[in-house]
Amino acid sequence: ATQQQANTTAIAQLTQDVNYLREITLHNIEF
């Protein structure tokens, strides 16, 4: 249960990071 909670938190952070990088990539493509 502890490991699962840590994994869920890590996945949420990675999802935010991916979305941020996606936005940067789209901006750079447009630029």
PDB file of all heavy atoms in Angstrom:
ATOM      1  N   ALA A   1       0.831  -1.205   0.000  1.00  0.00           N
ATOM      2  CA  ALA A   1       0.000   0.000   0.000  1.00  0.00           C
ATOM      3  C   ALA A   1       0.872   1.265   0.000  1.00  0.00           C
ATOM      4  O   ALA A   1       0.584   2.226  -0.715  1.00  0.00           O
ATOM      5  CB  ALA A   1      -0.940  -0.003   1.195  1.00  0.00           C
ATOM      6  N   THR A   2       1.926   1.247   0.776  1.00  0.00           N
ATOM      7  CA  THR A   2       2.849   2.387   0.822  1.00  0.00           C
ATOM      8  C   THR A   2       3.522   2.582  -0.533  1.00  0.00           C
ATOM      9  O   THR A   2       3.622   3.708  -1.045  1.00  0.00           O
ATOM     10  CB  THR A   2       3.914   2.175   1.912  1.00  0.00           C
ATOM     11  OG1 THR A   2       3.252   2.029   3.170  1.00  0.00           O
ATOM     12  CG2 THR A   2       4.885   3.327   1.983  1.00  0.00           C
ATOM     13  N   GLN A   3       3.979   1.487  -1.129  1.00  0.00           N
ATOM     14  CA  GLN A   3       4.615   1.575  -2.441  1.00  0.00           C
ATOM     15  C   GLN A   3       3.630   2.059  -3.501  1.00  0.00           C
ATOM     16  O   GLN A   3       3.979   2.853  -4.371  1.00  0.00           O
ATOM     17  CB  GLN A   3       5.193   0.216  -2.845  1.00  0.00           C
ATOM     18  CG  GLN A   3       6.391  -0.196  -2.025  1.00  0.00           C
ATOM     19  CD  GLN A   3       6.833  -1.618  -2.308  1.00  0.00           C
ATOM     20  OE1 GLN A   3       6.061  -2.443  -2.800  1.00  0.00           O
ATOM     21  NE2 GLN A   3       8.080  -1.919  -1.975  1.00  0.00           N
ATOM     22  N   GLN A   4       2.411   1.591  -3.411  1.00  0.00           N
ATOM     23  CA  GLN A   4       1.383   1.989  -4.371  1.00  0.00           C
ATOM     24  C   GLN A   4       1.091   3.490  -4.269  1.00  0.00           C
ATOM     25  O   GLN A   4       0.952   4.181  -5.284  1.00  0.00           O
ATOM     26  CB  GLN A   4       0.112   1.173  -4.120  1.00  0.00           C
ATOM     27  CG  GLN A   4      -0.816   1.110  -5.284  1.00  0.00           C
ATOM     28  CD  GLN A   4      -1.914   0.075  -5.037  1.00  0.00           C
ATOM     29  OE1 GLN A   4      -2.255  -0.220  -3.891  1.00  0.00           O
ATOM     30  NE2 GLN A   4      -2.464  -0.457  -6.102  1.00  0.00           N
ATOM     31  N   GLN A   5       1.036   4.006  -3.066  1.00  0.00           N
ATOM     32  CA  GLN A   5       0.815   5.436  -2.874  1.00  0.00           C
ATOM     33  C   GLN A   5       1.983   6.239  -3.433  1.00  0.00           C
ATOM     34  O   GLN A   5       1.789   7.262  -4.090  1.00  0.00           O
ATOM     35  CB  GLN A   5       0.608   5.766  -1.391  1.00  0.00           C
ATOM     36  CG  GLN A   5       0.351   7.231  -1.129  1.00  0.00           C
ATOM     37  CD  GLN A   5      -0.868   7.767  -1.881  1.00  0.00           C
ATOM     38  OE1 GLN A   5      -1.916   7.141  -1.897  1.00  0.00           O
ATOM     39  NE2 GLN A   5      -0.722   8.916  -2.512  1.00  0.00           N
ATOM     40  N   ALA A   6       3.200   5.774  -3.175  1.00  0.00           N
ATOM     41  CA  ALA A   6       4.378   6.465  -3.709  1.00  0.00           C
ATOM     42  C   ALA A   6       4.363   6.434  -5.233  1.00  0.00           C
ATOM     43  O   ALA A   6       4.686   7.434  -5.889  1.00  0.00           O
ATOM     44  CB  ALA A   6       5.657   5.815  -3.169  1.00  0.00           C
ATOM     45  N   ASN A   7       3.988   5.318  -5.816  1.00  0.00           N
ATOM     46  CA  ASN A   7       3.913   5.207  -7.272  1.00  0.00           C
ATOM     47  C   ASN A   7       2.850   6.138  -7.848  1.00  0.00           C
ATOM     48  O   ASN A   7       3.064   6.773  -8.884  1.00  0.00           O
ATOM     49  CB  ASN A   7       3.628   3.762  -7.692  1.00  0.00           C
ATOM     50  CG  ASN A   7       4.803   2.836  -7.450  1.00  0.00           C
ATOM     51  OD1 ASN A   7       5.929   3.281  -7.264  1.00  0.00           O
ATOM     52  ND2 ASN A   7       4.544   1.545  -7.448  1.00  0.00           N
ATOM     53  N   THR A   8       1.718   6.227  -7.184  1.00  0.00           N
ATOM     54  CA  THR A   8       0.640   7.105  -7.639  1.00  0.00           C
ATOM     55  C   THR A   8       1.099   8.562  -7.625  1.00  0.00           C
ATOM     56  O   THR A   8       0.854   9.307  -8.576  1.00  0.00           O
ATOM     57  CB  THR A   8      -0.609   6.924  -6.751  1.00  0.00           C
ATOM     58  OG1 THR A   8      -1.037   5.562  -6.845  1.00  0.00           O
ATOM     59  CG2 THR A   8      -1.729   7.845  -7.177  1.00  0.00           C
ATOM     60  N   THR A   9       1.797   8.945  -6.572  1.00  0.00           N
ATOM     61  CA  THR A   9       2.325  10.308  -6.477  1.00  0.00           C
ATOM     62  C   THR A   9       3.359  10.562  -7.574  1.00  0.00           C
ATOM     63  O   THR A   9       3.343  11.611  -8.229  1.00  0.00           O
ATOM     64  CB  THR A   9       2.955  10.540  -5.095  1.00  0.00           C
ATOM     65  OG1 THR A   9       1.957  10.310  -4.092  1.00  0.00           O
ATOM     66  CG2 THR A   9       3.507  11.945  -4.949  1.00  0.00           C
ATOM     67  N   ALA A  10       4.240   9.596  -7.809  1.00  0.00           N
ATOM     68  CA  ALA A  10       5.268   9.745  -8.842  1.00  0.00           C
ATOM     69  C   ALA A  10       4.638   9.851 -10.224  1.00  0.00           C
ATOM     70  O   ALA A  10       5.059  10.667 -11.055  1.00  0.00           O
ATOM     71  CB  ALA A  10       6.240   8.575  -8.779  1.00  0.00           C
ATOM     72  N   ILE A  11       3.619   9.060 -10.489  1.00  0.00           N
ATOM     73  CA  ILE A  11       2.934   9.094 -11.784  1.00  0.00           C
ATOM     74  C   ILE A  11       2.253  10.450 -11.985  1.00  0.00           C
ATOM     75  O   ILE A  11       2.296  11.022 -13.074  1.00  0.00           O
ATOM     76  CB  ILE A  11       1.932   7.933 -11.919  1.00  0.00           C
ATOM     77  CG1 ILE A  11       2.697   6.620 -12.086  1.00  0.00           C
ATOM     78  CG2 ILE A  11       0.977   8.157 -13.079  1.00  0.00           C
ATOM     79  CD1 ILE A  11       1.832   5.387 -12.001  1.00  0.00           C
ATOM     80  N   ALA A  12       1.645  10.976 -10.944  1.00  0.00           N
ATOM     81  CA  ALA A  12       1.001  12.289 -11.047  1.00  0.00           C
ATOM     82  C   ALA A  12       2.035  13.368 -11.384  1.00  0.00           C
ATOM     83  O   ALA A  12       1.795  14.224 -12.244  1.00  0.00           O
ATOM     84  CB  ALA A  12       0.280  12.629  -9.741  1.00  0.00           C
ATOM     85  N   GLN A  13       3.198  13.317 -10.754  1.00  0.00           N
ATOM     86  CA  GLN A  13       4.255  14.294 -11.033  1.00  0.00           C
ATOM     87  C   GLN A  13       4.776  14.123 -12.456  1.00  0.00           C
ATOM     88  O   GLN A  13       4.981  15.099 -13.176  1.00  0.00           O
ATOM     89  CB  GLN A  13       5.400  14.152 -10.031  1.00  0.00           C
ATOM     90  CG  GLN A  13       6.505  15.174 -10.242  1.00  0.00           C
ATOM     91  CD  GLN A  13       6.018  16.605 -10.101  1.00  0.00           C
ATOM     92  OE1 GLN A  13       5.376  16.949  -9.125  1.00  0.00           O
ATOM     93  NE2 GLN A  13       6.326  17.441 -11.078  1.00  0.00           N
ATOM     94  N   LEU A  14       4.976  12.888 -12.878  1.00  0.00           N
ATOM     95  CA  LEU A  14       5.453  12.639 -14.243  1.00  0.00           C
ATOM     96  C   LEU A  14       4.441  13.115 -15.277  1.00  0.00           C
ATOM     97  O   LEU A  14       4.817  13.649 -16.323  1.00  0.00           O
ATOM     98  CB  LEU A  14       5.759  11.154 -14.434  1.00  0.00           C
ATOM     99  CG  LEU A  14       7.004  10.643 -13.705  1.00  0.00           C
ATOM    100  CD1 LEU A  14       7.076   9.122 -13.799  1.00  0.00           C
ATOM    101  CD2 LEU A  14       8.261  11.281 -14.257  1.00  0.00           C
ATOM    102  N   THR A  15       3.166  12.946 -14.989  1.00  0.00           N
ATOM    103  CA  THR A  15       2.127  13.416 -15.899  1.00  0.00           C
ATOM    104  C   THR A  15       2.189  14.933 -16.041  1.00  0.00           C
ATOM    105  O   THR A  15       2.085  15.474 -17.145  1.00  0.00           O
ATOM    106  CB  THR A  15       0.737  12.978 -15.393  1.00  0.00           C
ATOM    107  OG1 THR A  15       0.711  11.547 -15.322  1.00  0.00           O
ATOM    108  CG2 THR A  15      -0.370  13.463 -16.301  1.00  0.00           C
ATOM    109  N   GLN A  16       2.380  15.629 -14.934  1.00  0.00           N
ATOM    110  CA  GLN A  16       2.526  17.087 -14.984  1.00  0.00           C
ATOM    111  C   GLN A  16       3.752  17.478 -15.795  1.00  0.00           C
ATOM    112  O   GLN A  16       3.711  18.405 -16.607  1.00  0.00           O
ATOM    113  CB  GLN A  16       2.638  17.670 -13.577  1.00  0.00           C
ATOM    114  CG  GLN A  16       1.346  17.655 -12.807  1.00  0.00           C
ATOM    115  CD  GLN A  16       1.519  18.222 -11.401  1.00  0.00           C
ATOM    116  OE1 GLN A  16       2.630  18.401 -10.916  1.00  0.00           O
ATOM    117  NE2 GLN A  16       0.402  18.501 -10.743  1.00  0.00           N
ATOM    118  N   ASP A  17       4.853  16.762 -15.579  1.00  0.00           N
ATOM    119  CA  ASP A  17       6.092  17.053 -16.317  1.00  0.00           C
ATOM    120  C   ASP A  17       5.905  16.841 -17.816  1.00  0.00           C
ATOM    121  O   ASP A  17       6.349  17.650 -18.629  1.00  0.00           O
ATOM    122  CB  ASP A  17       7.243  16.187 -15.805  1.00  0.00           C
ATOM    123  CG  ASP A  17       7.656  16.522 -14.378  1.00  0.00           C
ATOM    124  OD1 ASP A  17       7.233  17.579 -13.860  1.00  0.00           O
ATOM    125  OD2 ASP A  17       8.395  15.712 -13.783  1.00  0.00           O
ATOM    126  N   VAL A  18       5.238  15.758 -18.181  1.00  0.00           N
ATOM    127  CA  VAL A  18       4.995  15.460 -19.595  1.00  0.00           C
ATOM    128  C   VAL A  18       4.121  16.549 -20.216  1.00  0.00           C
ATOM    129  O   VAL A  18       4.391  17.018 -21.331  1.00  0.00           O
ATOM    130  CB  VAL A  18       4.362  14.062 -19.770  1.00  0.00           C
ATOM    131  CG1 VAL A  18       3.804  13.878 -21.176  1.00  0.00           C
ATOM    132  CG2 VAL A  18       5.377  12.979 -19.450  1.00  0.00           C
ATOM    133  N   ASN A  19       3.092  16.970 -19.510  1.00  0.00           N
ATOM    134  CA  ASN A  19       2.224  18.026 -20.032  1.00  0.00           C
ATOM    135  C   ASN A  19       2.997  19.333 -20.214  1.00  0.00           C
ATOM    136  O   ASN A  19       2.807  20.042 -21.210  1.00  0.00           O
ATOM    137  CB  ASN A  19       1.017  18.243 -19.121  1.00  0.00           C
ATOM    138  CG  ASN A  19       0.018  17.116 -19.240  1.00  0.00           C
ATOM    139  OD1 ASN A  19      -0.058  16.439 -20.268  1.00  0.00           O
ATOM    140  ND2 ASN A  19      -0.747  16.895 -18.195  1.00  0.00           N
ATOM    141  N   TYR A  20       3.859  19.655 -19.270  1.00  0.00           N
ATOM    142  CA  TYR A  20       4.678  20.860 -19.369  1.00  0.00           C
ATOM    143  C   TYR A  20       5.598  20.773 -20.587  1.00  0.00           C
ATOM    144  O   TYR A  20       5.703  21.720 -21.371  1.00  0.00           O
ATOM    145  CB  TYR A  20       5.481  21.035 -18.075  1.00  0.00           C
ATOM    146  CG  TYR A  20       6.438  22.193 -18.092  1.00  0.00           C
ATOM    147  CD1 TYR A  20       5.978  23.503 -18.043  1.00  0.00           C
ATOM    148  CD2 TYR A  20       7.810  21.974 -18.160  1.00  0.00           C
ATOM    149  CE1 TYR A  20       6.852  24.578 -18.062  1.00  0.00           C
ATOM    150  CE2 TYR A  20       8.696  23.046 -18.175  1.00  0.00           C
ATOM    151  CZ  TYR A  20       8.213  24.335 -18.128  1.00  0.00           C
ATOM    152  OH  TYR A  20       9.088  25.391 -18.150  1.00  0.00           O
ATOM    153  N   LEU A  21       6.264  19.641 -20.750  1.00  0.00           N
ATOM    154  CA  LEU A  21       7.163  19.463 -21.888  1.00  0.00           C
ATOM    155  C   LEU A  21       6.405  19.477 -23.211  1.00  0.00           C
ATOM    156  O   LEU A  21       6.903  19.988 -24.215  1.00  0.00           O
ATOM    157  CB  LEU A  21       7.952  18.156 -21.734  1.00  0.00           C
ATOM    158  CG  LEU A  21       8.960  18.143 -20.592  1.00  0.00           C
ATOM    159  CD1 LEU A  21       9.549  16.749 -20.421  1.00  0.00           C
ATOM    160  CD2 LEU A  21      10.059  19.164 -20.813  1.00  0.00           C
ATOM    161  N   ARG A  22       5.198  18.953 -23.206  1.00  0.00           N
ATOM    162  CA  ARG A  22       4.358  18.973 -24.409  1.00  0.00           C
ATOM    163  C   ARG A  22       4.041  20.409 -24.804  1.00  0.00           C
ATOM    164  O   ARG A  22       4.130  20.779 -25.973  1.00  0.00           O
ATOM    165  CB  ARG A  22       3.065  18.192 -24.154  1.00  0.00           C
ATOM    166  CG  ARG A  22       2.157  18.087 -25.340  1.00  0.00           C
ATOM    167  CD  ARG A  22       0.879  17.301 -24.959  1.00  0.00           C
ATOM    168  NE  ARG A  22      -0.251  17.859 -25.626  1.00  0.00           N
ATOM    169  CZ  ARG A  22      -0.972  18.903 -25.246  1.00  0.00           C
ATOM    170  NH1 ARG A  22      -0.701  19.529 -24.134  1.00  0.00           N
ATOM    171  NH2 ARG A  22      -1.989  19.339 -25.954  1.00  0.00           N
ATOM    172  N   GLU A  23       3.698  21.231 -23.830  1.00  0.00           N
ATOM    173  CA  GLU A  23       3.400  22.634 -24.104  1.00  0.00           C
ATOM    174  C   GLU A  23       4.624  23.362 -24.656  1.00  0.00           C
ATOM    175  O   GLU A  23       4.520  24.144 -25.598  1.00  0.00           O
ATOM    176  CB  GLU A  23       2.900  23.342 -22.837  1.00  0.00           C
ATOM    177  CG  GLU A  23       1.510  22.922 -22.411  1.00  0.00           C
ATOM    178  CD  GLU A  23       0.453  23.267 -23.444  1.00  0.00           C
ATOM    179  OE1 GLU A  23       0.512  24.364 -24.033  1.00  0.00           O
ATOM    180  OE2 GLU A  23      -0.424  22.428 -23.681  1.00  0.00           O
ATOM    181  N   ILE A  24       5.784  23.103 -24.070  1.00  0.00           N
ATOM    182  CA  ILE A  24       7.017  23.717 -24.558  1.00  0.00           C
ATOM    183  C   ILE A  24       7.291  23.279 -25.993  1.00  0.00           C
ATOM    184  O   ILE A  24       7.651  24.097 -26.852  1.00  0.00           O
ATOM    185  CB  ILE A  24       8.209  23.348 -23.642  1.00  0.00           C
ATOM    186  CG1 ILE A  24       8.082  24.051 -22.304  1.00  0.00           C
ATOM    187  CG2 ILE A  24       9.540  23.693 -24.309  1.00  0.00           C
ATOM    188  CD1 ILE A  24       9.101  23.609 -21.284  1.00  0.00           C
ATOM    189  N   THR A  25       7.120  22.000 -26.264  1.00  0.00           N
ATOM    190  CA  THR A  25       7.365  21.472 -27.605  1.00  0.00           C
ATOM    191  C   THR A  25       6.424  22.103 -28.616  1.00  0.00           C
ATOM    192  O   THR A  25       6.854  22.516 -29.706  1.00  0.00           O
ATOM    193  CB  THR A  25       7.205  19.938 -27.613  1.00  0.00           C
ATOM    194  OG1 THR A  25       8.141  19.385 -26.677  1.00  0.00           O
ATOM    195  CG2 THR A  25       7.458  19.362 -28.986  1.00  0.00           C
ATOM    196  N   LEU A  26       5.149  22.200 -28.285  1.00  0.00           N
ATOM    197  CA  LEU A  26       4.187  22.812 -29.202  1.00  0.00           C
ATOM    198  C   LEU A  26       4.525  24.273 -29.450  1.00  0.00           C
ATOM    199  O   LEU A  26       4.429  24.767 -30.580  1.00  0.00           O
ATOM    200  CB  LEU A  26       2.771  22.669 -28.655  1.00  0.00           C
ATOM    201  CG  LEU A  26       2.206  21.249 -28.646  1.00  0.00           C
ATOM    202  CD1 LEU A  26       0.845  21.222 -27.959  1.00  0.00           C
ATOM    203  CD2 LEU A  26       2.112  20.697 -30.053  1.00  0.00           C
ATOM    204  N   HIS A  27       4.928  24.980 -28.399  1.00  0.00           N
ATOM    205  CA  HIS A  27       5.321  26.378 -28.553  1.00  0.00           C
ATOM    206  C   HIS A  27       6.528  26.493 -29.486  1.00  0.00           C
ATOM    207  O   HIS A  27       6.568  27.355 -30.369  1.00  0.00           O
ATOM    208  CB  HIS A  27       5.639  26.997 -27.196  1.00  0.00           C
ATOM    209  CG  HIS A  27       6.181  28.383 -27.292  1.00  0.00           C
ATOM    210  ND1 HIS A  27       5.388  29.471 -27.583  1.00  0.00           N
ATOM    211  CD2 HIS A  27       7.447  28.854 -27.166  1.00  0.00           C
ATOM    212  CE1 HIS A  27       6.138  30.551 -27.631  1.00  0.00           C
ATOM    213  NE2 HIS A  27       7.388  30.203 -27.377  1.00  0.00           N
ATOM    214  N   ASN A  28       7.512  25.624 -29.292  1.00  0.00           N
ATOM    215  CA  ASN A  28       8.711  25.663 -30.126  1.00  0.00           C
ATOM    216  C   ASN A  28       8.404  25.322 -31.578  1.00  0.00           C
ATOM    217  O   ASN A  28       8.986  25.918 -32.487  1.00  0.00           O
ATOM    218  CB  ASN A  28       9.787  24.728 -29.575  1.00  0.00           C
ATOM    219  CG  ASN A  28      10.451  25.289 -28.338  1.00  0.00           C
ATOM    220  OD1 ASN A  28      10.459  26.498 -28.132  1.00  0.00           O
ATOM    221  ND2 ASN A  28      11.003  24.430 -27.519  1.00  0.00           N
ATOM    222  N   ILE A  29       7.496  24.386 -31.801  1.00  0.00           N
ATOM    223  CA  ILE A  29       7.097  24.050 -33.167  1.00  0.00           C
ATOM    224  C   ILE A  29       6.442  25.262 -33.820  1.00  0.00           C
ATOM    225  O   ILE A  29       6.746  25.606 -34.969  1.00  0.00           O
ATOM    226  CB  ILE A  29       6.150  22.831 -33.175  1.00  0.00           C
ATOM    227  CG1 ILE A  29       6.926  21.566 -32.817  1.00  0.00           C
ATOM    228  CG2 ILE A  29       5.452  22.679 -34.525  1.00  0.00           C
ATOM    229  CD1 ILE A  29       6.056  20.362 -32.545  1.00  0.00           C
ATOM    230  N   GLU A  30       5.552  25.907 -33.095  1.00  0.00           N
ATOM    231  CA  GLU A  30       4.880  27.094 -33.623  1.00  0.00           C
ATOM    232  C   GLU A  30       5.889  28.208 -33.905  1.00  0.00           C
ATOM    233  O   GLU A  30       5.847  28.855 -34.957  1.00  0.00           O
ATOM    234  CB  GLU A  30       3.824  27.579 -32.633  1.00  0.00           C
ATOM    235  CG  GLU A  30       3.055  28.783 -33.098  1.00  0.00           C
ATOM    236  CD  GLU A  30       2.022  29.232 -32.071  1.00  0.00           C
ATOM    237  OE1 GLU A  30       1.513  28.386 -31.317  1.00  0.00           O
ATOM    238  OE2 GLU A  30       1.741  30.438 -32.038  1.00  0.00           O
ATOM    239  N   PHE A  31       6.806  28.427 -32.982  1.00  0.00           N
ATOM    240  CA  PHE A  31       7.824  29.461 -33.139  1.00  0.00           C
ATOM    241  C   PHE A  31       8.715  29.164 -34.344  1.00  0.00           C
ATOM    242  O   PHE A  31       9.026  30.055 -35.142  1.00  0.00           O
ATOM    243  CB  PHE A  31       8.655  29.556 -31.853  1.00  0.00           C
ATOM    244  CG  PHE A  31       9.642  30.675 -31.843  1.00  0.00           C
ATOM    245  CD1 PHE A  31       9.213  31.988 -31.787  1.00  0.00           C
ATOM    246  CD2 PHE A  31      11.002  30.415 -31.872  1.00  0.00           C
ATOM    247  CE1 PHE A  31      10.117  33.038 -31.772  1.00  0.00           C
ATOM    248  CE2 PHE A  31      11.915  31.459 -31.861  1.00  0.00           C
ATOM    249  CZ  PHE A  31      11.477  32.765 -31.819  1.00  0.00           C
TER     250      PHE A  31
END
